Amino acid sequence: DSAPRTMDSEAEVTVFYWPIRFRGNFLKYLLEEAGKEYKTVSDYNEIRQALNDNKTSYPVFAVPMPQIGKFRMSQMPACVLHLAKMLNLEPIDSKNKSLALMMLLNCNDILDSITMNGGHYKMWEVLKRTLHSSFLKQLF
């Protein structure tokens, strides 16, 4: 690994995320691949406090939220891109950068599908039943 790392790569890293394997793991996988030590905060009250503390800095929407030194950010795809660049894991050429971004966004879409649109699946229940019923009527 002879490529230079950014100044941030030497900063202490904390990953704020719930105690489940989900979006936060993408950040952790990158850190582990790079051999970068990090701390995990998964306590609800500590996460809430960190989100509230950040109101005077960049707006942070939700976890996963990496903290690199004093810098915090959110939104899993943006966090992964930032960490990949910081840890020198970002592809060099534009074709591979685009493919990496595509795979990252595919993963995000799959996670959204697994959670049924972030748990808001009920708003489509009536439409789903209607479409299913219409489809069955066409078959018989």
N, C-alpha and C. Protein backbone atom coordinates (compact mmCIF):
# COMPACT_ATOMS: atom_id res chain seq x y z
N ASP A 1 0.86 -1.18 0.00
CA ASP A 1 0.00 0.00 0.00
C ASP A 1 0.90 1.24 0.00
N SER A 2 1.36 1.62 -1.16
CA SER A 2 2.28 2.74 -1.26
C SER A 2 1.59 4.07 -1.57
N ALA A 3 0.29 4.02 -1.87
CA ALA A 3 -0.43 5.24 -2.21
C ALA A 3 -0.60 6.11 -0.97
N PRO A 4 -0.48 7.42 -1.12
CA PRO A 4 -0.63 8.30 0.04
C PRO A 4 -2.08 8.34 0.51
N ARG A 5 -2.25 8.42 1.80
CA ARG A 5 -3.58 8.55 2.38
C ARG A 5 -3.81 10.01 2.74
N THR A 6 -5.07 10.36 2.89
CA THR A 6 -5.38 11.74 3.24
C THR A 6 -5.11 11.97 4.72
N MET A 7 -5.09 13.23 5.12
CA MET A 7 -4.87 13.56 6.54
C MET A 7 -5.95 12.91 7.40
N ASP A 8 -7.18 12.84 6.88
CA ASP A 8 -8.27 12.22 7.64
C ASP A 8 -8.00 10.77 7.97
N SER A 9 -7.20 10.09 7.15
CA SER A 9 -6.97 8.66 7.38
C SER A 9 -6.27 8.41 8.71
N GLU A 10 -5.65 9.43 9.28
CA GLU A 10 -4.98 9.29 10.57
C GLU A 10 -5.90 9.66 11.73
N ALA A 11 -7.04 10.25 11.45
CA ALA A 11 -7.96 10.70 12.50
C ALA A 11 -8.68 9.50 13.14
N GLU A 12 -9.11 9.69 14.37
CA GLU A 12 -9.90 8.66 15.06
C GLU A 12 -11.27 8.57 14.41
N VAL A 13 -11.75 7.34 14.23
CA VAL A 13 -13.04 7.12 13.58
C VAL A 13 -14.00 6.44 14.54
N THR A 14 -15.22 6.96 14.58
CA THR A 14 -16.30 6.35 15.34
C THR A 14 -17.47 6.17 14.38
N VAL A 15 -18.09 5.00 14.43
CA VAL A 15 -19.27 4.73 13.61
C VAL A 15 -20.48 4.65 14.55
N PHE A 16 -21.41 5.57 14.36
CA PHE A 16 -22.65 5.57 15.13
C PHE A 16 -23.68 4.78 14.31
N TYR A 17 -24.16 3.68 14.91
CA TYR A 17 -25.18 2.89 14.22
C TYR A 17 -25.85 1.95 15.22
N TRP A 18 -27.08 1.57 14.90
CA TRP A 18 -27.85 0.66 15.75
C TRP A 18 -27.14 -0.68 15.87
N PRO A 19 -27.44 -1.44 16.91
CA PRO A 19 -26.76 -2.73 17.10
C PRO A 19 -27.34 -3.84 16.22
N ILE A 20 -27.42 -3.57 14.92
CA ILE A 20 -27.90 -4.56 13.95
C ILE A 20 -26.96 -4.56 12.75
N ARG A 21 -27.00 -5.63 11.98
CA ARG A 21 -26.20 -5.70 10.76
C ARG A 21 -27.04 -5.16 9.61
N PHE A 22 -26.69 -3.96 9.17
CA PHE A 22 -27.46 -3.36 8.08
C PHE A 22 -26.61 -2.28 7.42
N ARG A 23 -27.11 -1.10 7.21
CA ARG A 23 -26.39 -0.06 6.48
C ARG A 23 -25.04 0.29 7.11
N GLY A 24 -24.96 0.28 8.41
CA GLY A 24 -23.71 0.61 9.09
C GLY A 24 -22.58 -0.34 8.77
N ASN A 25 -22.91 -1.57 8.40
CA ASN A 25 -21.86 -2.53 8.11
C ASN A 25 -21.04 -2.17 6.88
N PHE A 26 -21.62 -1.47 5.93
CA PHE A 26 -20.86 -1.07 4.75
C PHE A 26 -19.68 -0.19 5.16
N LEU A 27 -19.89 0.69 6.12
CA LEU A 27 -18.82 1.55 6.60
C LEU A 27 -17.77 0.72 7.33
N LYS A 28 -18.25 -0.19 8.16
CA LYS A 28 -17.33 -1.02 8.95
C LYS A 28 -16.49 -1.92 8.04
N TYR A 29 -17.09 -2.47 6.99
CA TYR A 29 -16.35 -3.32 6.06
C TYR A 29 -15.19 -2.57 5.43
N LEU A 30 -15.44 -1.33 5.02
CA LEU A 30 -14.36 -0.52 4.43
C LEU A 30 -13.25 -0.27 5.44
N LEU A 31 -13.62 0.10 6.64
CA LEU A 31 -12.62 0.37 7.67
C LEU A 31 -11.80 -0.88 7.97
N GLU A 32 -12.47 -2.02 8.06
CA GLU A 32 -11.77 -3.27 8.34
C GLU A 32 -10.87 -3.68 7.17
N GLU A 33 -11.35 -3.49 5.95
CA GLU A 33 -10.54 -3.81 4.77
C GLU A 33 -9.25 -2.98 4.75
N ALA A 34 -9.34 -1.75 5.18
CA ALA A 34 -8.18 -0.86 5.20
C ALA A 34 -7.31 -1.06 6.45
N GLY A 35 -7.78 -1.87 7.39
CA GLY A 35 -7.02 -2.07 8.62
C GLY A 35 -7.10 -0.87 9.55
N LYS A 36 -8.14 -0.07 9.39
CA LYS A 36 -8.32 1.15 10.20
C LYS A 36 -9.12 0.80 11.46
N GLU A 37 -8.56 1.08 12.60
CA GLU A 37 -9.28 0.86 13.85
C GLU A 37 -10.40 1.89 13.98
N TYR A 38 -11.50 1.47 14.57
CA TYR A 38 -12.63 2.37 14.76
C TYR A 38 -13.40 1.95 16.00
N LYS A 39 -14.17 2.86 16.49
CA LYS A 39 -15.04 2.63 17.64
C LYS A 39 -16.48 2.59 17.13
N THR A 40 -17.31 1.77 17.74
CA THR A 40 -18.73 1.72 17.40
C THR A 40 -19.55 2.23 18.57
N VAL A 41 -20.50 3.11 18.27
CA VAL A 41 -21.46 3.58 19.27
C VAL A 41 -22.82 3.11 18.80
N SER A 42 -23.47 2.26 19.62
CA SER A 42 -24.78 1.73 19.22
C SER A 42 -25.87 1.97 20.26
N ASP A 43 -25.55 2.68 21.30
CA ASP A 43 -26.54 3.01 22.33
C ASP A 43 -27.46 4.12 21.83
N TYR A 44 -28.77 3.91 21.96
CA TYR A 44 -29.76 4.86 21.45
C TYR A 44 -29.52 6.28 21.99
N ASN A 45 -29.33 6.40 23.29
CA ASN A 45 -29.16 7.73 23.89
C ASN A 45 -27.89 8.42 23.40
N GLU A 46 -26.82 7.65 23.23
CA GLU A 46 -25.57 8.24 22.73
C GLU A 46 -25.72 8.67 21.26
N ILE A 47 -26.44 7.86 20.48
CA ILE A 47 -26.68 8.22 19.08
C ILE A 47 -27.52 9.48 19.00
N ARG A 48 -28.60 9.51 19.76
CA ARG A 48 -29.48 10.68 19.75
C ARG A 48 -28.72 11.94 20.16
N GLN A 49 -27.89 11.82 21.18
CA GLN A 49 -27.09 12.96 21.63
C GLN A 49 -26.13 13.42 20.54
N ALA A 50 -25.48 12.47 19.87
CA ALA A 50 -24.54 12.82 18.80
C ALA A 50 -25.26 13.51 17.64
N LEU A 51 -26.45 13.05 17.31
CA LEU A 51 -27.22 13.69 16.24
C LEU A 51 -27.63 15.09 16.64
N ASN A 52 -28.04 15.27 17.87
CA ASN A 52 -28.44 16.60 18.35
C ASN A 52 -27.25 17.54 18.48
N ASP A 53 -26.10 17.01 18.90
CA ASP A 53 -24.88 17.82 19.04
C ASP A 53 -24.44 18.38 17.71
N ASN A 54 -24.77 17.70 16.65
CA ASN A 54 -24.26 18.07 15.33
C ASN A 54 -25.09 19.17 14.66
N LYS A 55 -26.09 19.69 15.31
CA LYS A 55 -26.97 20.70 14.71
C LYS A 55 -26.24 21.99 14.33
N THR A 56 -25.10 22.25 14.96
CA THR A 56 -24.38 23.48 14.66
C THR A 56 -23.37 23.30 13.52
N SER A 57 -23.21 22.07 13.06
CA SER A 57 -22.25 21.78 12.00
C SER A 57 -23.04 21.42 10.73
N TYR A 58 -22.50 20.52 9.93
CA TYR A 58 -23.23 20.06 8.75
C TYR A 58 -24.48 19.34 9.20
N PRO A 59 -25.58 19.47 8.47
CA PRO A 59 -26.80 18.76 8.87
C PRO A 59 -26.63 17.25 8.68
N VAL A 60 -26.79 16.50 9.75
CA VAL A 60 -26.70 15.05 9.70
C VAL A 60 -28.10 14.51 9.91
N PHE A 61 -28.55 13.73 8.96
CA PHE A 61 -29.94 13.26 8.94
C PHE A 61 -30.17 12.10 9.90
N ALA A 62 -29.35 11.08 9.82
CA ALA A 62 -29.57 9.87 10.61
C ALA A 62 -28.31 9.02 10.57
N VAL A 63 -28.35 7.91 11.27
CA VAL A 63 -27.25 6.96 11.22
C VAL A 63 -27.48 5.99 10.05
N PRO A 64 -26.43 5.39 9.50
CA PRO A 64 -25.08 5.40 10.01
C PRO A 64 -24.43 6.76 9.86
N MET A 65 -23.66 7.09 10.88
CA MET A 65 -22.97 8.37 10.90
C MET A 65 -21.52 8.12 11.34
N PRO A 66 -20.59 8.22 10.41
CA PRO A 66 -19.19 8.14 10.85
C PRO A 66 -18.74 9.49 11.38
N GLN A 67 -17.91 9.44 12.38
CA GLN A 67 -17.25 10.65 12.87
C GLN A 67 -15.77 10.43 12.64
N ILE A 68 -15.19 11.30 11.85
CA ILE A 68 -13.77 11.23 11.51
C ILE A 68 -13.12 12.47 12.11
N GLY A 69 -12.40 12.28 13.19
CA GLY A 69 -11.94 13.44 13.95
C GLY A 69 -13.16 14.13 14.51
N LYS A 70 -13.39 15.39 14.12
CA LYS A 70 -14.58 16.11 14.56
C LYS A 70 -15.65 16.18 13.48
N PHE A 71 -15.32 15.69 12.29
CA PHE A 71 -16.24 15.74 11.15
C PHE A 71 -17.24 14.59 11.20
N ARG A 72 -18.51 14.93 11.05
CA ARG A 72 -19.57 13.92 11.00
C ARG A 72 -20.37 14.09 9.73
N MET A 73 -20.87 12.96 9.21
CA MET A 73 -21.73 13.01 8.03
C MET A 73 -22.70 11.83 8.10
N SER A 74 -23.68 11.84 7.20
CA SER A 74 -24.64 10.73 7.16
C SER A 74 -24.95 10.38 5.71
N GLN A 75 -25.89 9.47 5.54
CA GLN A 75 -26.30 8.89 4.27
C GLN A 75 -25.26 7.87 3.81
N MET A 76 -25.61 6.60 3.96
CA MET A 76 -24.67 5.51 3.74
C MET A 76 -23.87 5.62 2.45
N PRO A 77 -24.48 5.86 1.28
CA PRO A 77 -23.65 5.93 0.07
C PRO A 77 -22.60 7.05 0.13
N ALA A 78 -22.98 8.21 0.64
CA ALA A 78 -22.02 9.32 0.75
C ALA A 78 -20.91 8.97 1.73
N CYS A 79 -21.26 8.32 2.82
CA CYS A 79 -20.26 7.93 3.82
C CYS A 79 -19.27 6.92 3.23
N VAL A 80 -19.79 5.95 2.49
CA VAL A 80 -18.92 4.94 1.87
C VAL A 80 -17.96 5.60 0.89
N LEU A 81 -18.47 6.51 0.06
CA LEU A 81 -17.60 7.20 -0.90
C LEU A 81 -16.52 8.00 -0.18
N HIS A 82 -16.90 8.69 0.88
CA HIS A 82 -15.93 9.49 1.63
C HIS A 82 -14.85 8.59 2.26
N LEU A 83 -15.29 7.52 2.91
CA LEU A 83 -14.33 6.62 3.55
C LEU A 83 -13.42 5.94 2.52
N ALA A 84 -13.99 5.54 1.39
CA ALA A 84 -13.19 4.88 0.35
C ALA A 84 -12.08 5.80 -0.13
N LYS A 85 -12.41 7.06 -0.34
CA LYS A 85 -11.39 8.02 -0.77
C LYS A 85 -10.36 8.23 0.34
N MET A 86 -10.85 8.43 1.56
CA MET A 86 -9.97 8.67 2.69
C MET A 86 -9.01 7.52 2.93
N LEU A 87 -9.48 6.28 2.74
CA LEU A 87 -8.68 5.09 3.03
C LEU A 87 -7.95 4.55 1.81
N ASN A 88 -8.00 5.32 0.73
CA ASN A 88 -7.33 4.94 -0.51
C ASN A 88 -7.87 3.63 -1.09
N LEU A 89 -9.18 3.43 -0.97
CA LEU A 89 -9.83 2.26 -1.53
C LEU A 89 -10.70 2.61 -2.73
N GLU A 90 -10.70 3.88 -3.10
CA GLU A 90 -11.52 4.34 -4.23
C GLU A 90 -10.87 3.90 -5.55
N PRO A 91 -11.67 3.40 -6.49
CA PRO A 91 -11.10 3.05 -7.80
C PRO A 91 -10.46 4.28 -8.45
N ILE A 92 -9.46 4.05 -9.27
CA ILE A 92 -8.71 5.15 -9.88
C ILE A 92 -9.38 5.67 -11.15
N ASP A 93 -9.76 4.76 -12.05
CA ASP A 93 -10.30 5.23 -13.34
C ASP A 93 -11.81 5.45 -13.26
N SER A 94 -12.30 6.29 -14.14
CA SER A 94 -13.71 6.71 -14.09
C SER A 94 -14.67 5.55 -14.34
N LYS A 95 -14.30 4.61 -15.20
CA LYS A 95 -15.18 3.45 -15.46
C LYS A 95 -15.40 2.65 -14.18
N ASN A 96 -14.32 2.35 -13.47
CA ASN A 96 -14.46 1.57 -12.25
C ASN A 96 -15.09 2.37 -11.12
N LYS A 97 -14.88 3.69 -11.10
CA LYS A 97 -15.57 4.54 -10.12
C LYS A 97 -17.08 4.46 -10.36
N SER A 98 -17.47 4.53 -11.62
CA SER A 98 -18.90 4.46 -11.95
C SER A 98 -19.48 3.11 -11.60
N LEU A 99 -18.75 2.04 -11.89
CA LEU A 99 -19.23 0.70 -11.54
C LEU A 99 -19.32 0.52 -10.03
N ALA A 100 -18.36 1.04 -9.29
CA ALA A 100 -18.41 0.95 -7.83
C ALA A 100 -19.61 1.71 -7.28
N LEU A 101 -19.86 2.90 -7.83
CA LEU A 101 -21.03 3.68 -7.40
C LEU A 101 -22.32 2.93 -7.74
N MET A 102 -22.38 2.33 -8.92
CA MET A 102 -23.56 1.57 -9.31
C MET A 102 -23.82 0.43 -8.33
N MET A 103 -22.77 -0.31 -7.97
CA MET A 103 -22.93 -1.43 -7.03
C MET A 103 -23.37 -0.93 -5.66
N LEU A 104 -22.80 0.18 -5.23
CA LEU A 104 -23.17 0.76 -3.94
C LEU A 104 -24.65 1.15 -3.93
N LEU A 105 -25.10 1.80 -4.98
CA LEU A 105 -26.51 2.22 -5.05
C LEU A 105 -27.43 1.01 -5.21
N ASN A 106 -26.97 -0.03 -5.91
CA ASN A 106 -27.75 -1.27 -5.98
C ASN A 106 -27.93 -1.86 -4.59
N CYS A 107 -26.86 -1.88 -3.81
CA CYS A 107 -26.95 -2.38 -2.43
C CYS A 107 -27.94 -1.56 -1.63
N ASN A 108 -27.91 -0.26 -1.78
CA ASN A 108 -28.84 0.60 -1.06
C ASN A 108 -30.28 0.31 -1.48
N ASP A 109 -30.51 0.10 -2.78
CA ASP A 109 -31.85 -0.24 -3.26
C ASP A 109 -32.32 -1.58 -2.71
N ILE A 110 -31.41 -2.55 -2.66
CA ILE A 110 -31.77 -3.86 -2.11
C ILE A 110 -32.15 -3.74 -0.65
N LEU A 111 -31.38 -2.97 0.12
CA LEU A 111 -31.72 -2.77 1.53
C LEU A 111 -33.09 -2.12 1.67
N ASP A 112 -33.39 -1.16 0.80
CA ASP A 112 -34.70 -0.51 0.83
C ASP A 112 -35.81 -1.52 0.51
N SER A 113 -35.56 -2.40 -0.43
CA SER A 113 -36.55 -3.43 -0.77
C SER A 113 -36.75 -4.41 0.38
N ILE A 114 -35.65 -4.80 1.03
CA ILE A 114 -35.74 -5.73 2.16
C ILE A 114 -36.62 -5.14 3.26
N THR A 115 -36.48 -3.85 3.50
CA THR A 115 -37.26 -3.22 4.57
C THR A 115 -38.61 -2.74 4.08
N MET A 116 -38.96 -3.11 2.85
CA MET A 116 -40.24 -2.72 2.26
C MET A 116 -40.39 -1.21 2.29
N ASN A 117 -39.48 -0.55 1.63
CA ASN A 117 -39.48 0.91 1.53
C ASN A 117 -39.37 1.56 2.90
N GLY A 118 -38.39 1.10 3.65
CA GLY A 118 -38.15 1.70 4.97
C GLY A 118 -39.27 1.45 5.95
N GLY A 119 -40.03 0.38 5.75
CA GLY A 119 -41.13 0.07 6.66
C GLY A 119 -42.45 0.72 6.28
N HIS A 120 -42.50 1.40 5.14
CA HIS A 120 -43.72 2.09 4.72
C HIS A 120 -44.51 1.27 3.70
N TYR A 121 -44.40 -0.02 3.77
CA TYR A 121 -45.03 -0.90 2.80
C TYR A 121 -46.55 -0.78 2.83
N LYS A 122 -47.13 -0.47 3.98
CA LYS A 122 -48.59 -0.43 4.12
C LYS A 122 -49.25 0.56 3.17
N MET A 123 -48.54 1.64 2.83
CA MET A 123 -49.18 2.62 1.96
C MET A 123 -49.49 2.03 0.58
N TRP A 124 -48.86 0.91 0.24
CA TRP A 124 -49.10 0.29 -1.06
C TRP A 124 -50.01 -0.93 -0.95
N GLU A 125 -50.43 -1.32 0.25
CA GLU A 125 -51.22 -2.53 0.43
C GLU A 125 -52.49 -2.54 -0.41
N VAL A 126 -53.25 -1.45 -0.40
CA VAL A 126 -54.51 -1.41 -1.14
C VAL A 126 -54.25 -1.56 -2.64
N LEU A 127 -53.28 -0.82 -3.14
CA LEU A 127 -52.93 -0.92 -4.56
C LEU A 127 -52.45 -2.32 -4.90
N LYS A 128 -51.65 -2.91 -4.04
CA LYS A 128 -51.13 -4.26 -4.28
C LYS A 128 -52.29 -5.27 -4.34
N ARG A 129 -53.22 -5.19 -3.39
CA ARG A 129 -54.36 -6.11 -3.40
C ARG A 129 -55.21 -5.90 -4.65
N THR A 130 -55.41 -4.65 -5.04
CA THR A 130 -56.21 -4.34 -6.23
C THR A 130 -55.56 -4.90 -7.48
N LEU A 131 -54.26 -4.66 -7.62
CA LEU A 131 -53.55 -5.16 -8.80
C LEU A 131 -53.52 -6.68 -8.81
N HIS A 132 -53.32 -7.29 -7.66
CA HIS A 132 -53.29 -8.75 -7.57
C HIS A 132 -54.65 -9.33 -7.94
N SER A 133 -55.70 -8.71 -7.42
CA SER A 133 -57.07 -9.16 -7.72
C SER A 133 -57.37 -9.03 -9.21
N SER A 134 -57.00 -7.90 -9.82
CA SER A 134 -57.22 -7.69 -11.26
C SER A 134 -56.45 -8.71 -12.07
N PHE A 135 -55.25 -9.01 -11.66
CA PHE A 135 -54.42 -9.98 -12.38
C PHE A 135 -55.06 -11.36 -12.32
N LEU A 136 -55.54 -11.74 -11.13
CA LEU A 136 -56.17 -13.06 -10.98
C LEU A 136 -57.44 -13.16 -11.83
N LYS A 137 -58.22 -12.08 -11.90
CA LYS A 137 -59.43 -12.08 -12.71
C LYS A 137 -59.12 -12.29 -14.19
N GLN A 138 -57.99 -11.74 -14.64
CA GLN A 138 -57.59 -11.90 -16.03
C GLN A 138 -57.20 -13.33 -16.33
N LEU A 139 -56.67 -14.02 -15.33
CA LEU A 139 -56.25 -15.41 -15.53
C LEU A 139 -57.43 -16.37 -15.64
N PHE A 140 -58.50 -16.07 -14.92
CA PHE A 140 -59.62 -17.01 -14.87
C PHE A 140 -60.82 -16.47 -15.56
